[in-house]
PDB file of N, CA and C in Angstrom:
ATOM      1  N   MET A   1     179.618   3.718 -64.858  1.00  0.00           N
ATOM      2  CA  MET A   1     181.032   3.508 -65.030  1.00  0.00           C
ATOM      3  C   MET A   1     181.382   3.854 -66.470  1.00  0.00           C
ATOM      4  N   GLN A   2     182.524   4.456 -66.652  1.00  0.00           N
ATOM      5  CA  GLN A   2     183.048   4.758 -67.989  1.00  0.00           C
ATOM      6  C   GLN A   2     184.078   3.692 -68.355  1.00  0.00           C
ATOM      7  N   VAL A   3     183.913   3.073 -69.516  1.00  0.00           N
ATOM      8  CA  VAL A   3     184.854   2.072 -69.998  1.00  0.00           C
ATOM      9  C   VAL A   3     185.262   2.465 -71.410  1.00  0.00           C
ATOM     10  N   ASN A   4     186.535   2.813 -71.571  1.00  0.00           N
ATOM     11  CA  ASN A   4     187.044   3.249 -72.872  1.00  0.00           C
ATOM     12  C   ASN A   4     186.147   4.335 -73.486  1.00  0.00           C
ATOM     13  N   GLY A   5     185.693   5.248 -72.634  1.00  0.00           N
ATOM     14  CA  GLY A   5     184.895   6.377 -73.092  1.00  0.00           C
ATOM     15  C   GLY A   5     183.404   6.129 -73.223  1.00  0.00           C
ATOM     16  N   LYS A   6     182.942   4.906 -72.969  1.00  0.00           N
ATOM     17  CA  LYS A   6     181.513   4.583 -73.064  1.00  0.00           C
ATOM     18  C   LYS A   6     180.944   4.343 -71.674  1.00  0.00           C
ATOM     19  N   HIS A   7     179.698   4.773 -71.477  1.00  0.00           N
ATOM     20  CA  HIS A   7     179.053   4.596 -70.179  1.00  0.00           C
ATOM     21  C   HIS A   7     178.413   3.213 -70.083  1.00  0.00           C
ATOM     22  N   LEU A   8     178.704   2.517 -68.987  1.00  0.00           N
ATOM     23  CA  LEU A   8     178.073   1.243 -68.654  1.00  0.00           C
ATOM     24  C   LEU A   8     177.588   1.325 -67.220  1.00  0.00           C
ATOM     25  N   SER A   9     176.483   0.678 -66.918  1.00  0.00           N
ATOM     26  CA  SER A   9     175.967   0.663 -65.545  1.00  0.00           C
ATOM     27  C   SER A   9     176.274  -0.661 -64.873  1.00  0.00           C
ATOM     28  N   LEU A  10     176.692  -0.586 -63.633  1.00  0.00           N
ATOM     29  CA  LEU A  10     176.898  -1.777 -62.817  1.00  0.00           C
ATOM     30  C   LEU A  10     175.800  -1.844 -61.770  1.00  0.00           C
ATOM     31  N   GLU A  11     175.218  -3.019 -61.598  1.00  0.00           N
ATOM     32  CA  GLU A  11     174.189  -3.197 -60.573  1.00  0.00           C
ATOM     33  C   GLU A  11     174.802  -3.327 -59.188  1.00  0.00           C
ATOM     34  N   LYS A  12     176.022  -3.903 -59.139  1.00  0.00           N
ATOM     35  CA  LYS A  12     176.710  -4.102 -57.867  1.00  0.00           C
ATOM     36  C   LYS A  12     178.205  -4.136 -58.146  1.00  0.00           C
ATOM     37  N   PRO A  13     179.031  -3.931 -57.136  1.00  0.00           N
ATOM     38  CA  PRO A  13     180.480  -4.025 -57.346  1.00  0.00           C
ATOM     39  C   PRO A  13     180.871  -5.435 -57.812  1.00  0.00           C
ATOM     40  N   ILE A  14     181.795  -5.499 -58.779  1.00  0.00           N
ATOM     41  CA  ILE A  14     182.314  -6.777 -59.252  1.00  0.00           C
ATOM     42  C   ILE A  14     183.825  -6.658 -59.444  1.00  0.00           C
ATOM     43  N   SER A  15     184.486  -7.800 -59.475  1.00  0.00           N
ATOM     44  CA  SER A  15     185.934  -7.781 -59.664  1.00  0.00           C
ATOM     45  C   SER A  15     186.259  -7.482 -61.127  1.00  0.00           C
ATOM     46  N   ILE A  16     187.483  -7.056 -61.349  1.00  0.00           N
ATOM     47  CA  ILE A  16     187.928  -6.813 -62.720  1.00  0.00           C
ATOM     48  C   ILE A  16     187.847  -8.107 -63.518  1.00  0.00           C
ATOM     49  N   THR A  17     188.237  -9.227 -62.918  1.00  0.00           N
ATOM     50  CA  THR A  17     188.157 -10.519 -63.605  1.00  0.00           C
ATOM     51  C   THR A  17     186.733 -10.806 -64.064  1.00  0.00           C
ATOM     52  N   GLU A  18     185.755 -10.647 -63.176  1.00  0.00           N
ATOM     53  CA  GLU A  18     184.351 -10.884 -63.536  1.00  0.00           C
ATOM     54  C   GLU A  18     183.921  -9.968 -64.681  1.00  0.00           C
ATOM     55  N   PHE A  19     184.300  -8.707 -64.589  1.00  0.00           N
ATOM     56  CA  PHE A  19     183.923  -7.746 -65.622  1.00  0.00           C
ATOM     57  C   PHE A  19     184.524  -8.122 -66.970  1.00  0.00           C
ATOM     58  N   LEU A  20     185.797  -8.482 -66.986  1.00  0.00           N
ATOM     59  CA  LEU A  20     186.455  -8.843 -68.240  1.00  0.00           C
ATOM     60  C   LEU A  20     185.781 -10.056 -68.882  1.00  0.00           C
ATOM     61  N   VAL A  21     185.434 -11.055 -68.073  1.00  0.00           N
ATOM     62  CA  VAL A  21     184.747 -12.246 -68.594  1.00  0.00           C
ATOM     63  C   VAL A  21     183.395 -11.853 -69.177  1.00  0.00           C
ATOM     64  N   GLN A  22     182.624 -11.049 -68.455  1.00  0.00           N
ATOM     65  CA  GLN A  22     181.304 -10.605 -68.930  1.00  0.00           C
ATOM     66  C   GLN A  22     181.402  -9.865 -70.260  1.00  0.00           C
ATOM     67  N   GLN A  23     182.474  -9.101 -70.435  1.00  0.00           N
ATOM     68  CA  GLN A  23     182.631  -8.283 -71.632  1.00  0.00           C
ATOM     69  C   GLN A  23     183.361  -9.009 -72.768  1.00  0.00           C
ATOM     70  N   GLY A  24     183.786 -10.249 -72.530  1.00  0.00           N
ATOM     71  CA  GLY A  24     184.403 -11.047 -73.578  1.00  0.00           C
ATOM     72  C   GLY A  24     185.893 -10.833 -73.780  1.00  0.00           C
ATOM     73  N   TYR A  25     186.559 -10.237 -72.795  1.00  0.00           N
ATOM     74  CA  TYR A  25     188.007 -10.036 -72.878  1.00  0.00           C
ATOM     75  C   TYR A  25     188.738 -11.276 -72.362  1.00  0.00           C
ATOM     76  N   GLN A  26     189.932 -11.507 -72.873  1.00  0.00           N
ATOM     77  CA  GLN A  26     190.806 -12.539 -72.335  1.00  0.00           C
ATOM     78  C   GLN A  26     191.732 -11.862 -71.337  1.00  0.00           C
ATOM     79  N   GLU A  27     191.638 -12.267 -70.091  1.00  0.00           N
ATOM     80  CA  GLU A  27     192.367 -11.609 -68.995  1.00  0.00           C
ATOM     81  C   GLU A  27     193.870 -11.543 -69.250  1.00  0.00           C
ATOM     82  N   ASP A  28     194.429 -12.559 -69.883  1.00  0.00           N
ATOM     83  CA  ASP A  28     195.869 -12.582 -70.107  1.00  0.00           C
ATOM     84  C   ASP A  28     196.318 -11.716 -71.276  1.00  0.00           C
ATOM     85  N   ARG A  29     195.360 -11.104 -71.999  1.00  0.00           N
ATOM     86  CA  ARG A  29     195.699 -10.298 -73.180  1.00  0.00           C
ATOM     87  C   ARG A  29     195.303  -8.828 -73.035  1.00  0.00           C
ATOM     88  N   VAL A  30     195.090  -8.373 -71.802  1.00  0.00           N
ATOM     89  CA  VAL A  30     194.681  -6.985 -71.595  1.00  0.00           C
ATOM     90  C   VAL A  30     195.519  -6.307 -70.517  1.00  0.00           C
ATOM     91  N   ALA A  31     195.536  -4.997 -70.577  1.00  0.00           N
ATOM     92  CA  ALA A  31     196.040  -4.152 -69.498  1.00  0.00           C
ATOM     93  C   ALA A  31     194.864  -3.289 -69.058  1.00  0.00           C
ATOM     94  N   VAL A  32     194.740  -3.060 -67.761  1.00  0.00           N
ATOM     95  CA  VAL A  32     193.602  -2.318 -67.230  1.00  0.00           C
ATOM     96  C   VAL A  32     194.093  -1.139 -66.391  1.00  0.00           C
ATOM     97  N   GLU A  33     193.523   0.017 -66.688  1.00  0.00           N
ATOM     98  CA  GLU A  33     193.763   1.222 -65.900  1.00  0.00           C
ATOM     99  C   GLU A  33     192.442   1.598 -65.244  1.00  0.00           C
ATOM    100  N   LYS A  34     192.447   1.701 -63.919  1.00  0.00           N
ATOM    101  CA  LYS A  34     191.245   2.068 -63.161  1.00  0.00           C
ATOM    102  C   LYS A  34     191.506   3.403 -62.484  1.00  0.00           C
ATOM    103  N   ASN A  35     190.694   4.387 -62.809  1.00  0.00           N
ATOM    104  CA  ASN A  35     190.825   5.712 -62.208  1.00  0.00           C
ATOM    105  C   ASN A  35     192.267   6.231 -62.300  1.00  0.00           C
ATOM    106  N   LYS A  36     192.860   6.062 -63.476  1.00  0.00           N
ATOM    107  CA  LYS A  36     194.200   6.548 -63.821  1.00  0.00           C
ATOM    108  C   LYS A  36     195.334   5.800 -63.119  1.00  0.00           C
ATOM    109  N   ASN A  37     195.044   4.596 -62.591  1.00  0.00           N
ATOM    110  CA  ASN A  37     196.066   3.750 -61.973  1.00  0.00           C
ATOM    111  C   ASN A  37     196.078   2.405 -62.682  1.00  0.00           C
ATOM    112  N   ILE A  38     197.258   1.969 -63.129  1.00  0.00           N
ATOM    113  CA  ILE A  38     197.365   0.666 -63.769  1.00  0.00           C
ATOM    114  C   ILE A  38     197.236  -0.419 -62.698  1.00  0.00           C
ATOM    115  N   ILE A  39     196.362  -1.374 -62.970  1.00  0.00           N
ATOM    116  CA  ILE A  39     196.109  -2.454 -62.019  1.00  0.00           C
ATOM    117  C   ILE A  39     196.917  -3.682 -62.436  1.00  0.00           C
ATOM    118  N   PRO A  40     197.768  -4.205 -61.572  1.00  0.00           N
ATOM    119  CA  PRO A  40     198.521  -5.422 -61.905  1.00  0.00           C
ATOM    120  C   PRO A  40     197.571  -6.607 -62.112  1.00  0.00           C
ATOM    121  N   LYS A  41     197.911  -7.468 -63.049  1.00  0.00           N
ATOM    122  CA  LYS A  41     197.070  -8.635 -63.334  1.00  0.00           C
ATOM    123  C   LYS A  41     196.812  -9.471 -62.087  1.00  0.00           C
ATOM    124  N   LYS A  42     197.793  -9.561 -61.196  1.00  0.00           N
ATOM    125  CA  LYS A  42     197.621 -10.364 -59.984  1.00  0.00           C
ATOM    126  C   LYS A  42     196.502  -9.828 -59.089  1.00  0.00           C
ATOM    127  N   ASN A  43     196.085  -8.575 -59.295  1.00  0.00           N
ATOM    128  CA  ASN A  43     195.023  -7.966 -58.482  1.00  0.00           C
ATOM    129  C   ASN A  43     193.659  -7.974 -59.160  1.00  0.00           C
ATOM    130  N   PHE A  44     193.571  -8.487 -60.388  1.00  0.00           N
ATOM    131  CA  PHE A  44     192.304  -8.456 -61.120  1.00  0.00           C
ATOM    132  C   PHE A  44     191.166  -9.143 -60.352  1.00  0.00           C
ATOM    133  N   SER A  45     191.448 -10.225 -59.658  1.00  0.00           N
ATOM    134  CA  SER A  45     190.378 -10.968 -58.980  1.00  0.00           C
ATOM    135  C   SER A  45     189.942 -10.320 -57.665  1.00  0.00           C
ATOM    136  N   THR A  46     190.757  -9.432 -57.112  1.00  0.00           N
ATOM    137  CA  THR A  46     190.415  -8.807 -55.829  1.00  0.00           C
ATOM    138  C   THR A  46     190.040  -7.332 -55.955  1.00  0.00           C
ATOM    139  N   GLU A  47     190.412  -6.704 -57.061  1.00  0.00           N
ATOM    140  CA  GLU A  47     190.121  -5.269 -57.260  1.00  0.00           C
ATOM    141  C   GLU A  47     188.670  -5.123 -57.715  1.00  0.00           C
ATOM    142  N   LEU A  48     187.858  -4.437 -56.894  1.00  0.00           N
ATOM    143  CA  LEU A  48     186.439  -4.280 -57.217  1.00  0.00           C
ATOM    144  C   LEU A  48     186.175  -3.030 -58.036  1.00  0.00           C
ATOM    145  N   LEU A  49     185.228  -3.166 -58.952  1.00  0.00           N
ATOM    146  CA  LEU A  49     184.766  -2.046 -59.773  1.00  0.00           C
ATOM    147  C   LEU A  49     183.429  -1.560 -59.243  1.00  0.00           C
ATOM    148  N   ASN A  50     183.261  -0.242 -59.207  1.00  0.00           N
ATOM    149  CA  ASN A  50     182.008   0.377 -58.787  1.00  0.00           C
ATOM    150  C   ASN A  50     181.477   1.234 -59.919  1.00  0.00           C
ATOM    151  N   ASP A  51     180.228   1.627 -59.809  1.00  0.00           N
ATOM    152  CA  ASP A  51     179.564   2.376 -60.882  1.00  0.00           C
ATOM    153  C   ASP A  51     180.196   3.740 -61.154  1.00  0.00           C
ATOM    154  N   ASN A  52     180.950   4.288 -60.210  1.00  0.00           N
ATOM    155  CA  ASN A  52     181.553   5.611 -60.418  1.00  0.00           C
ATOM    156  C   ASN A  52     183.007   5.548 -60.904  1.00  0.00           C
ATOM    157  N   ASP A  53     183.508   4.342 -61.251  1.00  0.00           N
ATOM    158  CA  ASP A  53     184.882   4.188 -61.710  1.00  0.00           C
ATOM    159  C   ASP A  53     185.024   4.505 -63.197  1.00  0.00           C
ATOM    160  N   THR A  54     186.268   4.803 -63.576  1.00  0.00           N
ATOM    161  CA  THR A  54     186.628   4.997 -64.983  1.00  0.00           C
ATOM    162  C   THR A  54     187.689   3.961 -65.329  1.00  0.00           C
ATOM    163  N   LEU A  55     187.418   3.191 -66.381  1.00  0.00           N
ATOM    164  CA  LEU A  55     188.344   2.147 -66.820  1.00  0.00           C
ATOM    165  C   LEU A  55     188.825   2.413 -68.227  1.00  0.00           C
ATOM    166  N   GLU A  56     190.067   2.093 -68.446  1.00  0.00           N
ATOM    167  CA  GLU A  56     190.625   2.024 -69.794  1.00  0.00           C
ATOM    168  C   GLU A  56     191.167   0.615 -69.928  1.00  0.00           C
ATOM    169  N   ILE A  57     190.729  -0.086 -70.965  1.00  0.00           N
ATOM    170  CA  ILE A  57     191.165  -1.448 -71.209  1.00  0.00           C
ATOM    171  C   ILE A  57     191.871  -1.479 -72.546  1.00  0.00           C
ATOM    172  N   VAL A  58     193.120  -1.971 -72.532  1.00  0.00           N
ATOM    173  CA  VAL A  58     193.890  -2.111 -73.764  1.00  0.00           C
ATOM    174  C   VAL A  58     194.004  -3.600 -74.047  1.00  0.00           C
ATOM    175  N   ASN A  59     193.564  -3.992 -75.241  1.00  0.00           N
ATOM    176  CA  ASN A  59     193.580  -5.390 -75.644  1.00  0.00           C
ATOM    177  C   ASN A  59     194.755  -5.615 -76.574  1.00  0.00           C
ATOM    178  N   PHE A  60     195.644  -6.539 -76.226  1.00  0.00           N
ATOM    179  CA  PHE A  60     196.811  -6.832 -77.044  1.00  0.00           C
ATOM    180  C   PHE A  60     196.455  -7.861 -78.099  1.00  0.00           C
ATOM    181  N   VAL A  61     196.868  -7.598 -79.343  1.00  0.00           N
ATOM    182  CA  VAL A  61     196.650  -8.552 -80.429  1.00  0.00           C
ATOM    183  C   VAL A  61     197.987  -8.826 -81.111  1.00  0.00           C
ATOM    184  N   GLY A  62     198.143 -10.060 -81.525  1.00  0.00           N
ATOM    185  CA  GLY A  62     199.370 -10.437 -82.229  1.00  0.00           C
ATOM    186  C   GLY A  62     199.222 -10.192 -83.720  1.00  0.00           C
ATOM    187  N   GLY A  63     200.297 -10.169 -84.367  1.00  0.00           N
ATOM    188  CA  GLY A  63     200.268  -9.974 -85.814  1.00  0.00           C
ATOM    189  C   GLY A  63     201.680  -9.749 -86.324  1.00  0.00           C
ATOM    190  N   GLY A  64     201.748  -9.638 -87.600  1.00  0.00           N
ATOM    191  CA  GLY A  64     203.088  -9.449 -88.124  1.00  0.00           C
ATOM    192  C   GLY A  64     203.075  -8.911 -89.519  1.00  0.00           C
TER     193      GLY A  64
END
């Protein structure tokens, strides 16, 4: 799987929520694009990731 341009291997399909937790992301502070489609946050727990997927994850940070 490609994530933000880096290759990662998945042993089995997992949900976006599981993947974000494993990678240390806060689910409420990211936007996820899977295979060039933006995935709504409400679908993170049901949308499965496979080893041949491409993900782009944008992490929102506050500041001023």
